[in-house]
């Protein structure tokens, strides 16, 4: 026997919860009373999502833009302990800002009264706040 013979086996189970998924809308189609949205997530995976006609119409305006979809997700935990999104019902959509990190930090530095410019070492302070050190 080896150590892997004693490794606990993960239980497979499903969880349904409010979730968000980020990516780009590739396609919108109709399947009966349900609109189907094909989303290419930023990690490269594609996800088929369901939604209402009203939400699908607003999503059609976002084709090619980065979006954050909020809705009800059905998640499956595999025996390997990984979580897979098996079903997603979109309730709303927000177009994400495509600002670069450099631009984001420049804007934050220039904001008046934010207090970060008054610190001797703002990066060190950020790490302290995040508990990274």
N, C-alpha and C. Protein backbone atom coordinates (compact mmCIF):
# COMPACT_ATOMS: atom_id res chain seq x y z
N UNK A 1 0.83 -1.17 0.00
CA UNK A 1 0.00 0.00 0.00
C UNK A 1 0.88 1.25 0.00
N UNK A 2 0.36 2.30 -0.62
CA UNK A 2 1.07 3.57 -0.60
C UNK A 2 0.16 4.65 -0.03
N UNK A 3 0.72 5.85 0.07
CA UNK A 3 -0.02 6.95 0.72
C UNK A 3 -1.32 7.28 0.00
N UNK A 4 -1.36 7.13 -1.33
CA UNK A 4 -2.58 7.48 -2.06
C UNK A 4 -3.73 6.53 -1.74
N UNK A 5 -3.42 5.32 -1.23
CA UNK A 5 -4.48 4.39 -0.84
C UNK A 5 -5.25 4.90 0.37
N UNK A 6 -4.63 5.78 1.15
CA UNK A 6 -5.26 6.30 2.36
C UNK A 6 -5.83 7.71 2.17
N UNK A 7 -5.65 8.30 0.99
CA UNK A 7 -6.14 9.66 0.75
C UNK A 7 -7.67 9.66 0.79
N UNK A 8 -8.26 10.61 1.51
CA UNK A 8 -9.72 10.66 1.57
C UNK A 8 -10.31 10.99 0.19
N UNK A 9 -11.41 10.38 -0.10
CA UNK A 9 -12.10 10.63 -1.36
C UNK A 9 -13.05 11.80 -1.17
N UNK A 10 -12.98 12.77 -2.09
CA UNK A 10 -13.88 13.92 -2.04
C UNK A 10 -15.27 13.47 -2.49
N UNK A 11 -16.27 14.00 -1.83
CA UNK A 11 -17.64 13.71 -2.22
C UNK A 11 -18.03 14.65 -3.36
N UNK A 12 -18.76 14.13 -4.34
CA UNK A 12 -19.32 14.96 -5.40
C UNK A 12 -20.65 15.52 -4.91
N UNK A 13 -20.83 16.82 -5.07
CA UNK A 13 -22.13 17.38 -4.75
C UNK A 13 -22.31 18.70 -5.48
N UNK A 14 -23.57 19.12 -5.55
CA UNK A 14 -23.95 20.34 -6.25
C UNK A 14 -24.38 21.40 -5.25
N UNK A 15 -24.05 22.65 -5.60
CA UNK A 15 -24.45 23.80 -4.81
C UNK A 15 -25.05 24.82 -5.76
N UNK A 16 -26.14 25.43 -5.36
CA UNK A 16 -26.75 26.50 -6.15
C UNK A 16 -26.63 27.78 -5.34
N UNK A 17 -26.00 28.81 -5.96
CA UNK A 17 -25.82 30.06 -5.25
C UNK A 17 -25.67 31.23 -6.22
N UNK A 18 -25.93 32.43 -5.71
CA UNK A 18 -25.71 33.63 -6.50
C UNK A 18 -24.22 33.71 -6.82
N UNK A 19 -23.91 33.98 -8.09
CA UNK A 19 -22.53 33.96 -8.55
C UNK A 19 -22.31 35.05 -9.58
N UNK A 20 -21.04 35.31 -9.88
CA UNK A 20 -20.68 36.19 -10.98
C UNK A 20 -19.73 35.46 -11.90
N UNK A 21 -19.82 35.79 -13.18
CA UNK A 21 -18.93 35.21 -14.19
C UNK A 21 -18.50 36.37 -15.09
N UNK A 22 -17.19 36.46 -15.37
CA UNK A 22 -16.66 37.52 -16.21
C UNK A 22 -16.21 36.94 -17.54
N UNK A 23 -16.35 37.74 -18.61
CA UNK A 23 -15.89 37.32 -19.92
C UNK A 23 -16.46 38.18 -21.02
N UNK A 24 -16.48 37.64 -22.24
CA UNK A 24 -17.02 38.33 -23.41
C UNK A 24 -18.16 37.51 -23.99
N UNK A 25 -19.27 38.16 -24.30
CA UNK A 25 -20.41 37.49 -24.93
C UNK A 25 -20.03 37.18 -26.38
N UNK A 26 -20.10 35.90 -26.75
CA UNK A 26 -19.78 35.48 -28.11
C UNK A 26 -21.02 35.38 -28.99
N UNK A 27 -22.13 34.91 -28.40
CA UNK A 27 -23.33 34.65 -29.20
C UNK A 27 -24.55 34.65 -28.30
N UNK A 28 -25.68 35.00 -28.88
CA UNK A 28 -26.97 34.94 -28.19
C UNK A 28 -27.95 34.26 -29.14
N UNK A 29 -28.64 33.25 -28.63
CA UNK A 29 -29.61 32.53 -29.46
C UNK A 29 -30.86 32.27 -28.65
N UNK A 30 -31.86 31.73 -29.32
CA UNK A 30 -33.15 31.47 -28.69
C UNK A 30 -33.40 29.97 -28.65
N UNK A 31 -33.90 29.48 -27.51
CA UNK A 31 -34.29 28.08 -27.38
C UNK A 31 -35.64 28.06 -26.68
N UNK A 32 -36.71 28.12 -27.47
CA UNK A 32 -38.04 28.18 -26.89
C UNK A 32 -38.25 29.51 -26.21
N UNK A 33 -38.62 29.49 -24.92
CA UNK A 33 -38.85 30.71 -24.16
C UNK A 33 -37.59 31.24 -23.48
N UNK A 34 -36.48 30.56 -23.69
CA UNK A 34 -35.23 30.92 -23.02
C UNK A 34 -34.21 31.43 -24.02
N UNK A 35 -33.49 32.47 -23.64
CA UNK A 35 -32.37 32.96 -24.45
C UNK A 35 -31.10 32.29 -23.93
N UNK A 36 -30.26 31.86 -24.87
CA UNK A 36 -29.00 31.21 -24.53
C UNK A 36 -27.86 32.16 -24.88
N UNK A 37 -26.99 32.40 -23.92
CA UNK A 37 -25.85 33.30 -24.09
C UNK A 37 -24.58 32.47 -23.99
N UNK A 38 -23.73 32.58 -25.01
CA UNK A 38 -22.44 31.89 -24.98
C UNK A 38 -21.39 32.90 -24.55
N UNK A 39 -20.74 32.61 -23.43
CA UNK A 39 -19.76 33.52 -22.83
C UNK A 39 -18.38 32.89 -22.90
N UNK A 40 -17.40 33.66 -23.38
CA UNK A 40 -16.01 33.20 -23.31
C UNK A 40 -15.41 33.87 -22.08
N UNK A 41 -15.13 33.04 -21.06
CA UNK A 41 -14.59 33.56 -19.82
C UNK A 41 -13.14 33.99 -20.03
N UNK A 42 -12.65 34.84 -19.14
CA UNK A 42 -11.29 35.34 -19.26
C UNK A 42 -10.24 34.25 -19.10
N UNK A 43 -10.61 33.12 -18.50
CA UNK A 43 -9.68 32.00 -18.37
C UNK A 43 -9.66 31.14 -19.63
N UNK A 44 -10.43 31.51 -20.66
CA UNK A 44 -10.44 30.79 -21.93
C UNK A 44 -11.58 29.80 -22.08
N UNK A 45 -12.23 29.43 -21.00
CA UNK A 45 -13.33 28.47 -21.06
C UNK A 45 -14.58 29.16 -21.60
N UNK A 46 -15.42 28.39 -22.27
CA UNK A 46 -16.71 28.92 -22.72
C UNK A 46 -17.81 28.36 -21.83
N UNK A 47 -18.81 29.19 -21.58
CA UNK A 47 -19.91 28.82 -20.71
C UNK A 47 -21.22 29.17 -21.38
N UNK A 48 -22.13 28.22 -21.46
CA UNK A 48 -23.47 28.47 -21.97
C UNK A 48 -24.34 28.90 -20.79
N UNK A 49 -25.02 30.03 -20.94
CA UNK A 49 -25.84 30.59 -19.87
C UNK A 49 -27.27 30.79 -20.37
N UNK A 50 -28.21 30.78 -19.45
CA UNK A 50 -29.61 31.04 -19.79
C UNK A 50 -30.02 32.40 -19.24
N UNK A 51 -30.99 33.02 -19.91
CA UNK A 51 -31.52 34.28 -19.41
C UNK A 51 -32.87 34.58 -20.05
N UNK A 52 -33.45 35.69 -19.66
CA UNK A 52 -34.73 36.12 -20.23
C UNK A 52 -34.47 36.89 -21.52
N UNK A 53 -35.53 37.09 -22.31
CA UNK A 53 -35.41 37.86 -23.54
C UNK A 53 -34.98 39.30 -23.24
N UNK A 54 -35.49 39.86 -22.17
CA UNK A 54 -35.16 41.24 -21.81
C UNK A 54 -33.68 41.41 -21.51
N UNK A 55 -33.12 40.50 -20.71
CA UNK A 55 -31.69 40.55 -20.40
C UNK A 55 -30.88 40.28 -21.66
N UNK A 56 -31.32 39.33 -22.49
CA UNK A 56 -30.60 39.01 -23.72
C UNK A 56 -30.53 40.22 -24.65
N UNK A 57 -31.60 41.00 -24.71
CA UNK A 57 -31.61 42.19 -25.56
C UNK A 57 -30.58 43.21 -25.08
N UNK A 58 -30.44 43.37 -23.77
CA UNK A 58 -29.43 44.30 -23.27
C UNK A 58 -28.02 43.73 -23.45
N UNK A 59 -27.89 42.40 -23.36
CA UNK A 59 -26.59 41.77 -23.59
C UNK A 59 -26.14 41.90 -25.04
N UNK A 60 -27.09 41.94 -25.97
CA UNK A 60 -26.74 42.06 -27.39
C UNK A 60 -25.95 43.33 -27.64
N UNK A 61 -26.16 44.35 -26.84
CA UNK A 61 -25.43 45.62 -26.98
C UNK A 61 -24.00 45.51 -26.48
N UNK A 62 -23.66 44.43 -25.78
CA UNK A 62 -22.34 44.29 -25.17
C UNK A 62 -21.42 43.35 -25.96
N UNK A 63 -21.87 42.84 -27.09
CA UNK A 63 -21.05 41.89 -27.85
C UNK A 63 -19.65 42.45 -28.05
N UNK A 64 -18.64 41.64 -27.73
CA UNK A 64 -17.25 42.05 -27.89
C UNK A 64 -16.68 42.86 -26.74
N UNK A 65 -17.50 43.20 -25.76
CA UNK A 65 -17.02 43.97 -24.62
C UNK A 65 -16.89 43.06 -23.40
N UNK A 66 -15.94 43.36 -22.51
CA UNK A 66 -15.84 42.56 -21.28
C UNK A 66 -17.02 42.87 -20.37
N UNK A 67 -17.64 41.82 -19.84
CA UNK A 67 -18.81 41.97 -18.99
C UNK A 67 -18.69 41.13 -17.73
N UNK A 68 -19.45 41.51 -16.73
CA UNK A 68 -19.62 40.69 -15.52
C UNK A 68 -21.10 40.33 -15.45
N UNK A 69 -21.37 39.04 -15.48
CA UNK A 69 -22.73 38.54 -15.40
C UNK A 69 -23.00 38.10 -13.97
N UNK A 70 -24.14 38.49 -13.44
CA UNK A 70 -24.56 38.07 -12.11
C UNK A 70 -25.81 37.22 -12.27
N UNK A 71 -25.88 36.15 -11.52
CA UNK A 71 -27.04 35.28 -11.61
C UNK A 71 -26.96 34.12 -10.65
N UNK A 72 -27.75 33.10 -10.94
CA UNK A 72 -27.80 31.90 -10.12
C UNK A 72 -26.99 30.80 -10.78
N UNK A 73 -25.96 30.35 -10.10
CA UNK A 73 -25.08 29.32 -10.65
C UNK A 73 -25.28 27.98 -9.97
N UNK A 74 -25.26 26.92 -10.77
CA UNK A 74 -25.23 25.56 -10.26
C UNK A 74 -23.79 25.07 -10.37
N UNK A 75 -23.18 24.81 -9.24
CA UNK A 75 -21.78 24.40 -9.18
C UNK A 75 -21.69 22.94 -8.77
N UNK A 76 -20.82 22.20 -9.42
CA UNK A 76 -20.58 20.80 -9.10
C UNK A 76 -19.17 20.66 -8.56
N UNK A 77 -19.05 20.08 -7.39
CA UNK A 77 -17.73 19.79 -6.84
C UNK A 77 -17.37 18.38 -7.26
N UNK A 78 -16.24 18.25 -7.95
CA UNK A 78 -15.81 16.95 -8.45
C UNK A 78 -15.11 16.16 -7.35
N UNK A 79 -14.83 14.91 -7.65
CA UNK A 79 -14.11 14.07 -6.68
C UNK A 79 -12.68 14.57 -6.46
N UNK A 80 -12.18 15.40 -7.40
CA UNK A 80 -10.85 15.99 -7.26
C UNK A 80 -10.88 17.26 -6.42
N UNK A 81 -12.08 17.68 -5.99
CA UNK A 81 -12.21 18.89 -5.18
C UNK A 81 -12.32 20.17 -6.00
N UNK A 82 -12.46 20.05 -7.32
CA UNK A 82 -12.60 21.22 -8.18
C UNK A 82 -14.06 21.60 -8.30
N UNK A 83 -14.33 22.89 -8.49
CA UNK A 83 -15.69 23.38 -8.68
C UNK A 83 -15.91 23.69 -10.14
N UNK A 84 -16.96 23.11 -10.72
CA UNK A 84 -17.32 23.33 -12.12
C UNK A 84 -18.68 24.01 -12.18
N UNK A 85 -18.78 25.06 -12.99
CA UNK A 85 -20.05 25.72 -13.20
C UNK A 85 -20.80 24.95 -14.27
N UNK A 86 -21.90 24.29 -13.89
CA UNK A 86 -22.63 23.44 -14.83
C UNK A 86 -23.86 24.13 -15.41
N UNK A 87 -24.37 25.16 -14.72
CA UNK A 87 -25.52 25.89 -15.23
C UNK A 87 -25.48 27.29 -14.64
N UNK A 88 -25.84 28.28 -15.48
CA UNK A 88 -25.83 29.65 -15.01
C UNK A 88 -27.02 30.39 -15.60
N UNK A 89 -27.82 31.00 -14.73
CA UNK A 89 -29.00 31.77 -15.13
C UNK A 89 -28.71 33.24 -14.86
N UNK A 90 -28.56 34.03 -15.93
CA UNK A 90 -28.16 35.44 -15.83
C UNK A 90 -29.35 36.29 -15.37
N UNK A 91 -29.10 37.13 -14.36
CA UNK A 91 -30.09 38.09 -13.90
C UNK A 91 -29.76 39.50 -14.35
N UNK A 92 -28.46 39.82 -14.38
CA UNK A 92 -28.04 41.16 -14.79
C UNK A 92 -26.63 41.14 -15.34
N UNK A 93 -26.29 42.23 -16.01
CA UNK A 93 -25.00 42.34 -16.68
C UNK A 93 -24.44 43.74 -16.46
N UNK A 94 -23.13 43.81 -16.24
CA UNK A 94 -22.44 45.08 -16.11
C UNK A 94 -21.26 45.04 -17.08
N UNK A 95 -21.11 46.09 -17.89
CA UNK A 95 -19.96 46.19 -18.78
C UNK A 95 -18.76 46.60 -17.94
N UNK A 96 -17.65 45.87 -18.09
CA UNK A 96 -16.45 46.16 -17.31
C UNK A 96 -15.62 47.22 -18.02
N UNK A 97 -14.97 48.03 -17.24
CA UNK A 97 -14.10 49.07 -17.76
C UNK A 97 -12.80 48.43 -18.25
N UNK A 98 -12.34 48.80 -19.42
CA UNK A 98 -11.12 48.21 -19.99
C UNK A 98 -9.89 49.06 -19.70
N UNK A 99 -9.86 49.70 -18.56
CA UNK A 99 -8.72 50.54 -18.20
C UNK A 99 -7.52 49.68 -17.84
N UNK A 100 -6.34 50.10 -18.25
CA UNK A 100 -5.12 49.34 -17.92
C UNK A 100 -4.77 49.55 -16.46
N UNK A 101 -3.97 48.65 -15.91
CA UNK A 101 -3.55 48.79 -14.51
C UNK A 101 -2.75 50.07 -14.31
N UNK A 102 -1.88 50.40 -15.27
CA UNK A 102 -1.10 51.63 -15.15
C UNK A 102 -2.02 52.85 -15.07
N UNK A 103 -3.04 52.88 -15.90
CA UNK A 103 -3.99 54.00 -15.89
C UNK A 103 -4.79 54.02 -14.58
N UNK A 104 -5.18 52.84 -14.12
CA UNK A 104 -5.92 52.75 -12.87
C UNK A 104 -5.10 53.31 -11.71
N UNK A 105 -3.81 52.91 -11.62
CA UNK A 105 -2.97 53.39 -10.52
C UNK A 105 -2.66 54.88 -10.67
N UNK A 106 -2.48 55.36 -11.91
CA UNK A 106 -2.24 56.78 -12.13
C UNK A 106 -3.44 57.59 -11.64
N UNK A 107 -4.64 57.13 -11.99
CA UNK A 107 -5.86 57.81 -11.57
C UNK A 107 -5.98 57.83 -10.04
N UNK A 108 -5.67 56.70 -9.42
CA UNK A 108 -5.73 56.62 -7.95
C UNK A 108 -4.72 57.55 -7.31
N UNK A 109 -3.50 57.62 -7.87
CA UNK A 109 -2.48 58.52 -7.33
C UNK A 109 -2.91 59.97 -7.42
N UNK A 110 -3.60 60.32 -8.50
CA UNK A 110 -3.99 61.72 -8.73
C UNK A 110 -5.25 62.13 -7.98
N UNK A 111 -5.97 61.19 -7.41
CA UNK A 111 -7.20 61.52 -6.68
C UNK A 111 -6.86 62.33 -5.44
N UNK A 112 -7.52 63.45 -5.29
CA UNK A 112 -7.25 64.33 -4.14
C UNK A 112 -7.85 63.76 -2.87
N UNK A 113 -7.08 63.87 -1.79
CA UNK A 113 -7.58 63.49 -0.48
C UNK A 113 -7.63 61.99 -0.22
N UNK A 114 -6.98 61.18 -1.06
CA UNK A 114 -7.06 59.74 -0.83
C UNK A 114 -6.10 59.25 0.25
N UNK A 115 -5.13 60.07 0.64
CA UNK A 115 -4.22 59.71 1.72
C UNK A 115 -3.04 58.86 1.31
N UNK A 116 -3.11 58.19 0.19
CA UNK A 116 -2.00 57.32 -0.23
C UNK A 116 -0.75 58.12 -0.58
N UNK A 117 -0.92 59.32 -1.13
CA UNK A 117 0.24 60.13 -1.50
C UNK A 117 0.97 60.66 -0.27
N UNK A 118 0.32 60.64 0.89
CA UNK A 118 0.92 61.13 2.12
C UNK A 118 1.79 60.07 2.80
N UNK A 119 1.70 58.83 2.36
CA UNK A 119 2.44 57.73 2.99
C UNK A 119 3.85 57.66 2.44
N UNK A 120 4.80 57.32 3.32
CA UNK A 120 6.19 57.17 2.88
C UNK A 120 6.33 55.96 1.96
N UNK A 121 5.62 54.87 2.25
CA UNK A 121 5.71 53.65 1.44
C UNK A 121 4.31 53.07 1.26
N UNK A 122 3.56 53.57 0.25
CA UNK A 122 2.18 53.11 0.07
C UNK A 122 2.07 51.62 -0.26
N UNK A 123 3.06 51.08 -0.94
CA UNK A 123 3.02 49.64 -1.26
C UNK A 123 3.13 48.82 0.01
N UNK A 124 4.03 49.21 0.90
CA UNK A 124 4.17 48.51 2.18
C UNK A 124 2.88 48.59 2.98
N UNK A 125 2.25 49.76 2.98
CA UNK A 125 0.98 49.92 3.69
C UNK A 125 -0.10 49.01 3.10
N UNK A 126 -0.14 48.95 1.78
CA UNK A 126 -1.11 48.05 1.12
C UNK A 126 -0.89 46.61 1.55
N UNK A 127 0.37 46.18 1.58
CA UNK A 127 0.66 44.80 2.00
C UNK A 127 0.27 44.58 3.46
N UNK A 128 0.47 45.58 4.30
CA UNK A 128 0.06 45.46 5.70
C UNK A 128 -1.46 45.30 5.82
N UNK A 129 -2.20 46.13 5.06
CA UNK A 129 -3.66 46.07 5.11
C UNK A 129 -4.16 44.71 4.64
N UNK A 130 -3.55 44.18 3.60
CA UNK A 130 -3.97 42.90 3.03
C UNK A 130 -3.47 41.71 3.84
N UNK A 131 -2.64 41.95 4.85
CA UNK A 131 -2.14 40.86 5.66
C UNK A 131 -1.11 40.02 4.94
N UNK A 132 -0.47 40.61 3.94
CA UNK A 132 0.50 39.86 3.13
C UNK A 132 1.86 39.76 3.78
N UNK A 133 2.08 40.53 4.84
CA UNK A 133 3.37 40.44 5.52
C UNK A 133 3.18 40.27 7.00
